[in-house]
Protein backbone atom coordinates (compact mmCIF):
# COMPACT_ATOMS: atom_id res chain seq x y z
CA UNK A 1 19.05 44.12 73.64
CA UNK A 2 19.17 47.80 74.61
CA UNK A 3 22.62 47.55 75.97
CA UNK A 4 24.04 45.94 72.52
CA UNK A 5 22.40 49.02 70.78
CA UNK A 6 23.97 51.29 73.00
CA UNK A 7 27.30 50.00 72.66
CA UNK A 8 27.15 50.07 68.97
CA UNK A 9 26.10 53.75 69.03
CA UNK A 10 29.19 54.52 71.21
CA UNK A 11 31.37 52.79 68.81
CA UNK A 12 29.90 54.45 66.00
CA UNK A 13 30.13 58.30 67.60
CA UNK A 14 34.08 57.76 68.19
CA UNK A 15 34.61 56.06 64.93
CA UNK A 16 35.11 59.34 63.26
CA UNK A 17 37.29 61.20 65.57
CA UNK A 18 39.69 58.10 66.16
CA UNK A 19 39.91 57.81 62.06
CA UNK A 20 40.71 61.50 62.08
CA UNK A 21 43.21 61.10 64.39
CA UNK A 22 44.91 58.44 62.96
CA UNK A 23 44.97 59.72 59.50
CA UNK A 24 48.41 59.73 57.94
CA UNK A 25 50.48 62.84 56.86
CA UNK A 26 51.92 63.08 53.74
CA UNK A 27 55.71 63.71 53.72
CA UNK A 28 57.44 65.28 50.99
CA UNK A 29 61.15 64.38 50.12
CA UNK A 30 63.77 66.47 48.96
CA UNK A 31 64.29 66.32 45.07
CA UNK A 32 66.08 63.40 43.40
CA UNK A 33 67.12 62.10 46.87
CA UNK A 34 68.26 58.43 46.79
CA UNK A 35 68.92 58.42 50.99
CA UNK A 36 67.31 55.32 52.02
CA UNK A 37 67.21 56.51 55.69
CA UNK A 38 65.09 59.69 54.66
CA UNK A 39 62.61 57.72 52.84
CA UNK A 40 62.22 55.57 56.05
CA UNK A 41 61.91 58.68 58.35
CA UNK A 42 59.27 59.96 55.76
CA UNK A 43 57.38 56.37 55.98
CA UNK A 44 57.69 56.46 59.93
CA UNK A 45 56.45 59.93 60.05
CA UNK A 46 53.40 59.27 57.48
CA UNK A 47 52.47 56.30 59.77
CA UNK A 48 52.51 58.69 62.66
CA UNK A 49 55.68 56.99 64.44
CA UNK A 50 57.25 59.80 65.52
CA UNK A 51 59.53 58.40 68.01
CA UNK A 52 60.85 55.93 65.78
CA UNK A 53 61.27 58.41 62.86
CA UNK A 54 63.16 60.54 65.40
CA UNK A 55 65.26 57.87 66.70
CA UNK A 56 65.98 57.13 62.79
CA UNK A 57 67.31 60.83 61.93
CA UNK A 58 70.17 60.15 64.35
CA UNK A 59 71.55 57.20 62.61
CA UNK A 60 74.77 57.27 60.14
CA UNK A 61 72.68 57.06 56.90
CA UNK A 62 70.48 60.44 58.04
CA UNK A 63 73.65 62.32 59.36
CA UNK A 64 76.45 61.66 57.15
CA UNK A 65 77.30 62.42 53.44
CA UNK A 66 73.99 64.75 52.91
CA UNK A 67 73.50 67.42 50.53
CA UNK A 68 72.30 70.70 51.40
CA UNK A 69 68.98 70.40 50.47
CA UNK A 70 69.03 66.97 52.58
CA UNK A 71 70.56 68.26 55.52
CA UNK A 72 68.02 71.19 55.31
CA UNK A 73 65.22 68.32 55.12
CA UNK A 74 66.56 66.42 58.25
CA UNK A 75 66.84 69.77 60.33
CA UNK A 76 63.24 70.66 59.36
CA UNK A 77 61.76 66.91 59.72
CA UNK A 78 63.42 67.16 63.67
CA UNK A 79 61.38 70.23 64.27
CA UNK A 80 58.10 68.65 62.99
CA UNK A 81 58.64 65.33 65.12
CA UNK A 82 59.67 67.24 67.95
CA UNK A 83 56.36 69.03 67.56
CA UNK A 84 54.50 66.01 66.83
CA UNK A 85 55.89 64.51 70.64
CA UNK A 86 55.06 67.96 72.38
CA UNK A 87 58.43 68.84 72.75
CA UNK A 88 58.19 72.70 71.80
CA UNK A 89 61.49 73.78 72.80
CA UNK A 90 63.39 71.10 71.02
CA UNK A 91 61.11 71.95 68.07
CA UNK A 92 61.83 75.61 67.88
CA UNK A 93 65.33 74.97 68.08
CA UNK A 94 65.30 72.75 65.24
CA UNK A 95 63.15 74.99 62.88
CA UNK A 96 65.91 77.85 63.89
CA UNK A 97 68.57 75.81 62.91
CA UNK A 98 66.80 75.08 59.28
CA UNK A 99 65.77 78.87 58.67
CA UNK A 100 69.30 80.25 59.50
CA UNK A 101 70.57 77.58 56.57
CA UNK A 102 67.34 78.75 54.45
CA UNK A 103 65.48 81.70 55.53
CA UNK A 104 62.80 80.79 52.71
CA UNK A 105 62.30 77.34 53.75
CA UNK A 106 58.96 75.37 53.67
CA UNK A 107 57.82 72.77 56.09
CA UNK A 108 58.34 69.28 54.42
CA UNK A 109 54.86 68.36 54.45
CA UNK A 110 51.85 68.61 51.83
CA UNK A 111 49.09 69.95 54.38
CA UNK A 112 50.85 70.49 57.28
CA UNK A 113 48.63 71.28 60.36
CA UNK A 114 47.60 74.89 61.18
CA UNK A 115 49.33 74.76 64.55
CA UNK A 116 52.51 73.52 63.32
CA UNK A 117 52.25 75.96 60.08
CA UNK A 118 51.80 78.88 62.96
CA UNK A 119 54.87 77.55 65.01
CA UNK A 120 57.05 77.56 61.91
CA UNK A 121 55.95 80.94 60.85
CA UNK A 122 56.54 82.63 64.15
CA UNK A 123 60.18 80.87 64.28
CA UNK A 124 60.69 82.45 60.76
CA UNK A 125 60.24 85.68 62.36
CA UNK A 126 62.00 85.28 65.87
CA UNK A 127 65.04 83.23 64.94
CA UNK A 128 67.25 85.94 63.87
CA UNK A 129 66.66 87.80 67.24
CA UNK A 130 66.89 84.42 69.02
CA UNK A 131 70.23 83.82 67.51
CA UNK A 132 71.63 87.06 67.88
CA UNK A 133 70.78 87.35 71.67
CA UNK A 134 72.26 83.74 71.86
CA UNK A 135 75.49 84.97 70.03
CA UNK A 136 75.70 88.16 72.57
CA UNK A 137 75.38 85.72 75.64
CA UNK A 138 78.13 83.38 74.24
CA UNK A 139 80.25 86.27 73.72
CA UNK A 140 79.57 87.73 77.03
CA UNK A 141 80.44 84.20 78.77
CA UNK A 142 83.56 83.83 76.86
CA UNK A 143 84.93 87.37 77.51
CA UNK A 144 84.03 86.39 81.47
CA UNK A 145 85.78 83.27 80.86
CA UNK A 146 88.95 84.68 79.21
CA UNK A 147 89.03 87.62 81.99
CA UNK A 148 88.84 85.16 84.97
CA UNK A 149 91.60 82.72 83.02
CA UNK A 150 93.70 86.13 82.74
CA UNK A 151 93.36 87.02 86.50
CA UNK A 152 94.08 83.37 87.42
CA UNK A 153 97.13 83.76 85.20
CA UNK A 154 98.02 86.97 86.59
CA UNK A 155 97.92 85.52 90.29
CA UNK A 156 99.66 82.62 89.41
CA UNK A 157 102.66 84.41 87.87
CA UNK A 158 102.75 86.89 90.65
CA UNK A 159 102.87 84.14 93.26
CA UNK A 160 105.75 82.47 91.23
CA UNK A 161 107.45 85.63 91.02
CA UNK A 162 107.13 86.13 94.82
CA UNK A 163 108.28 82.73 95.41
CA UNK A 164 111.36 83.40 93.26
CA UNK A 165 112.11 86.59 94.22
CA UNK A 166 115.08 87.01 96.83
CA UNK A 167 114.20 88.08 100.43
CA UNK A 168 114.41 91.99 100.85
CA UNK A 169 117.37 93.48 101.95
CA UNK A 170 117.31 95.31 105.39
CA UNK A 171 117.75 99.01 104.89
CA UNK A 172 120.72 100.19 106.82
CA UNK A 173 120.20 103.30 109.18
CA UNK A 174 121.31 106.53 107.79
CA UNK A 175 124.77 107.51 108.91
CA UNK A 176 125.01 110.26 111.44
CA UNK A 177 125.87 113.40 110.14
CA UNK A 178 129.31 114.57 111.63
CA UNK A 179 129.91 117.77 110.11
CA UNK A 180 127.01 120.22 109.27
CA UNK A 181 127.72 121.87 105.88
CA UNK A 182 126.18 125.21 104.64
CA UNK A 183 125.03 125.30 101.18
CA UNK A 184 124.75 128.32 99.03
CA UNK A 185 121.16 127.88 98.73
CA UNK A 186 120.44 127.88 102.56
CA UNK A 187 122.95 131.14 102.96
CA UNK A 188 120.60 132.68 100.23
CA UNK A 189 117.46 131.72 102.07
CA UNK A 190 118.56 133.00 105.58
CA UNK A 191 119.90 136.40 104.46
CA UNK A 192 118.84 139.45 106.43
CA UNK A 193 119.06 143.10 105.98
CA UNK A 194 118.79 145.68 108.41
CA UNK A 195 119.32 149.35 108.45
CA UNK A 196 118.69 152.08 110.81
CA UNK A 197 119.96 155.11 112.81
CA UNK A 198 123.26 154.72 114.54
CA UNK A 199 124.86 156.86 117.61
CA UNK A 200 127.77 156.31 119.81
CA UNK A 201 130.11 158.04 122.45
CA UNK A 202 133.78 158.39 122.60
CA UNK A 203 133.98 157.47 126.51
CA UNK A 204 138.00 159.08 126.94
CA UNK A 205 135.99 161.39 128.78
CA UNK A 206 133.20 159.75 131.01
CA UNK A 207 132.03 163.08 132.37
CA UNK A 208 131.74 164.53 129.23
CA UNK A 209 131.42 161.94 126.35
CA UNK A 210 131.65 163.09 122.47
CA UNK A 211 128.72 161.65 120.87
CA UNK A 212 128.63 161.11 116.95
CA UNK A 213 125.54 160.64 114.91
CA UNK A 214 124.88 158.44 111.78
CA UNK A 215 123.65 155.36 109.96
CA UNK A 216 124.51 151.75 109.53
CA UNK A 217 123.52 148.96 107.56
CA UNK A 218 124.00 145.35 108.34
CA UNK A 219 123.43 141.92 106.61
CA UNK A 220 123.94 138.46 107.73
CA UNK A 221 123.32 134.95 107.27
CA UNK A 222 122.59 131.93 109.19
CA UNK A 223 125.66 129.29 109.25
CA UNK A 224 124.90 126.28 111.81
CA UNK A 225 123.19 126.07 115.13
CA UNK A 226 121.77 129.61 115.27
CA UNK A 227 125.12 130.99 114.75
CA UNK A 228 124.93 133.80 112.14
CA UNK A 229 127.78 135.85 110.33
CA UNK A 230 127.68 138.89 108.85
CA UNK A 231 129.01 142.35 107.66
CA UNK A 232 128.06 146.20 108.18
CA UNK A 233 128.86 149.64 107.17
CA UNK A 234 128.51 152.69 109.30
CA UNK A 235 128.49 156.24 108.58
CA UNK A 236 129.11 158.96 111.69
CA UNK A 237 129.66 162.32 111.95
CA UNK A 238 130.29 165.06 114.99
CA UNK A 239 130.86 168.81 115.42
CA UNK A 240 131.65 168.28 119.13
CA UNK A 241 135.29 167.49 119.01
CA UNK A 242 137.70 170.22 119.64
CA UNK A 243 139.91 169.81 116.76
CA UNK A 244 136.83 170.49 114.64
CA UNK A 245 133.99 168.43 112.73
CA UNK A 246 134.82 164.87 112.42
CA UNK A 247 133.70 162.32 109.89
CA UNK A 248 134.09 158.21 110.31
CA UNK A 249 132.96 155.35 108.09
CA UNK A 250 133.47 151.73 109.71
CA UNK A 251 133.17 148.56 108.19
CA UNK A 252 132.92 145.75 110.50
CA UNK A 253 132.48 141.88 110.69
CA UNK A 254 130.02 140.56 112.70
CA UNK A 255 129.37 137.08 114.61
CA UNK A 256 125.81 136.70 116.49
CA UNK A 257 124.63 133.87 118.54
CA UNK A 258 121.00 133.54 119.94
CA UNK A 259 120.32 133.76 123.91
CA UNK A 260 116.54 133.18 123.35
CA UNK A 261 115.11 130.83 120.36
CA UNK A 262 114.04 133.40 117.90
CA UNK A 263 110.46 133.45 116.79
CA UNK A 264 108.35 135.85 114.91
CA UNK A 265 107.87 138.40 117.46
CA UNK A 266 110.79 138.21 119.87
CA UNK A 267 114.79 137.57 119.91
CA UNK A 268 117.84 138.38 121.68
CA UNK A 269 121.38 137.46 120.94
CA UNK A 270 124.78 138.64 121.63
CA UNK A 271 127.24 139.50 119.06
CA UNK A 272 130.94 140.09 118.64
CA UNK A 273 132.02 142.72 116.02
CA UNK A 274 135.40 144.33 114.77
CA UNK A 275 136.64 145.96 111.87
CA UNK A 276 138.77 149.03 110.11
CA UNK A 277 137.63 152.48 109.98
CA UNK A 278 138.26 155.79 107.96
CA UNK A 279 138.23 159.02 109.64
CA UNK A 280 139.04 162.50 109.10
CA UNK A 281 139.44 166.16 110.51
CA UNK A 282 141.77 168.16 108.67
CA UNK A 283 143.17 165.07 107.00
CA UNK A 284 142.39 161.35 106.71
CA UNK A 285 143.36 158.88 109.05
CA UNK A 286 142.77 155.28 109.92
CA UNK A 287 141.84 152.88 112.72
CA UNK A 288 140.23 149.59 113.88
CA UNK A 289 137.62 148.81 116.47
CA UNK A 290 136.67 145.43 118.53
CA UNK A 291 133.61 145.06 120.80
CA UNK A 292 130.57 143.22 122.00
CA UNK A 293 127.03 143.93 122.28
CA UNK A 294 123.40 142.57 122.75
CA UNK A 295 120.90 142.91 120.51
CA UNK A 296 116.97 142.57 120.98
CA UNK A 297 114.15 141.81 118.01
CA UNK A 298 110.87 143.31 118.67
CA UNK A 299 109.08 142.11 115.32
CA UNK A 300 110.93 143.93 112.61
CA UNK A 301 112.70 146.41 114.72
CA UNK A 302 116.13 145.75 116.07
CA UNK A 303 117.57 147.76 119.26
CA UNK A 304 121.42 146.97 119.70
CA UNK A 305 123.51 148.18 122.65
CA UNK A 306 127.00 147.84 122.50
CA UNK A 307 130.73 148.51 123.75
CA UNK A 308 133.81 148.68 121.94
CA UNK A 309 137.58 149.72 121.85
CA UNK A 310 138.91 152.11 119.20
CA UNK A 311 142.33 152.39 118.08
CA UNK A 312 143.23 155.28 116.16
CA UNK A 313 146.33 156.58 114.04
CA UNK A 314 146.73 160.13 113.29
CA UNK A 315 149.73 162.39 113.68
CA UNK A 316 148.32 164.59 116.30
CA UNK A 317 145.29 162.50 117.57
CA UNK A 318 146.52 159.27 117.72
CA UNK A 319 145.44 157.49 120.75
CA UNK A 320 142.61 154.37 122.05
CA UNK A 321 139.39 154.96 123.58
CA UNK A 322 136.32 153.04 124.65
CA UNK A 323 133.30 153.37 122.57
CA UNK A 324 129.64 152.87 123.62
CA UNK A 325 126.85 152.39 121.16
CA UNK A 326 123.27 152.51 120.25
CA UNK A 327 121.46 151.44 117.18
CA UNK A 328 117.92 151.52 115.99
CA UNK A 329 117.33 149.59 112.71
CA UNK A 330 114.52 148.03 110.78
CA UNK A 331 114.42 144.89 109.14
CA UNK A 332 114.14 145.53 105.33
CA UNK A 333 114.22 141.93 103.98
CA UNK A 334 114.63 138.25 105.25
CA UNK A 335 112.38 135.51 105.76
CA UNK A 336 110.42 135.36 108.74
CA UNK A 337 111.93 134.03 111.80
CA UNK A 338 111.02 130.43 112.75
CA UNK A 339 108.21 130.06 115.32
CA UNK A 340 109.44 128.21 118.56
C-alpha cells in the first residue's frame, strides 16, 4: 500500500515539468502564404519535431520559387530549429543570413523562449561585424590565392622561356692589340711642363770653357711604353766671349725613355734632343744642335746633365763645337707619376 502511494506521488511531482517541456510553441507564418511546405514545417515545429522540420526545410517546396518574405521566414526558422537542437553555431549563421536580408526582422514565433530571443538580439548586433570580418578574410584568402597563381604562372612562363631560349653563345676572347694608338685625351692627361735655370759651356777650349747662362722651358707628353716626346725653348746669354756679348735662343725637340720605372718620388731617364738655334753678337746668325742627356727626377725637381754638338754659321765665327749643359727645373703642371 505504501509503495503504491509513493509511486503515485512521484508521478504527480513530474507531471507538471513533463507537461511544460512538451508544451507546443506557436509558429507565425508569412502573411498570405500558400506554400504547403512552410505550413508543414510550422506544424512540425509546433509539435517540437525539430529534426523533421529541419529536414523538410531542405526539400524543393521550401527552397524553390519563394517570395522574399517566405525566404526570410525559412532562414529564421532554420535558426530556431538549430537552436532547438542545441546547434548554436549553425543557428547563429542562419540568423545572420536572415538579418542581412532584413535587419529589422523578428522571430517567427508568437512567444519565443527567453534564451532564443536573447541569442537572436545578440546576433542582430554582432552580425554586421561578423560579416565584415568574414569578407576581409575572404578577400585576403583570394588575394593570397591570386598571388600564388601569378607566381606559379610566372615560374611556368620563365621555365618555358628558358626551355625555348637558344643555348648561350660562347664569348670570343678579345683580339690582341697589335698597334697601340695614342688618343688626344691620353696625350692631354699625360702632359708635363718644367721650367728652370739652364747653364752650359762651350767646350771648344777644354781648359777655359766659355759659360752661358739663362732659362729654359720644357713640355712633354707620353706616347707609348714609357716613351715621351716634347719640345723646349732655351734662352742664353754670355759676356765672356772675345767678340763681345752673345745672346742665344734655341728651340729643340726631345725624346725621353725611362731607365727606372717612374714613381711619385724618383725617376731617371735618358733623352735625345736637337733643333735650330739663333744667336747674335753684332749681327744675327743661325745654327743647329743635337745631343744626348740624362735627367734625374726628385719629386718635382728635375736635374738634367747633357752633352751636344753645335754648328754655327757666321761670316766671322762660323765653326762647330761641343757643348756641355746643366739644367735645374721645377715641375709646373702635370698628373702625378704612377707608383711602382
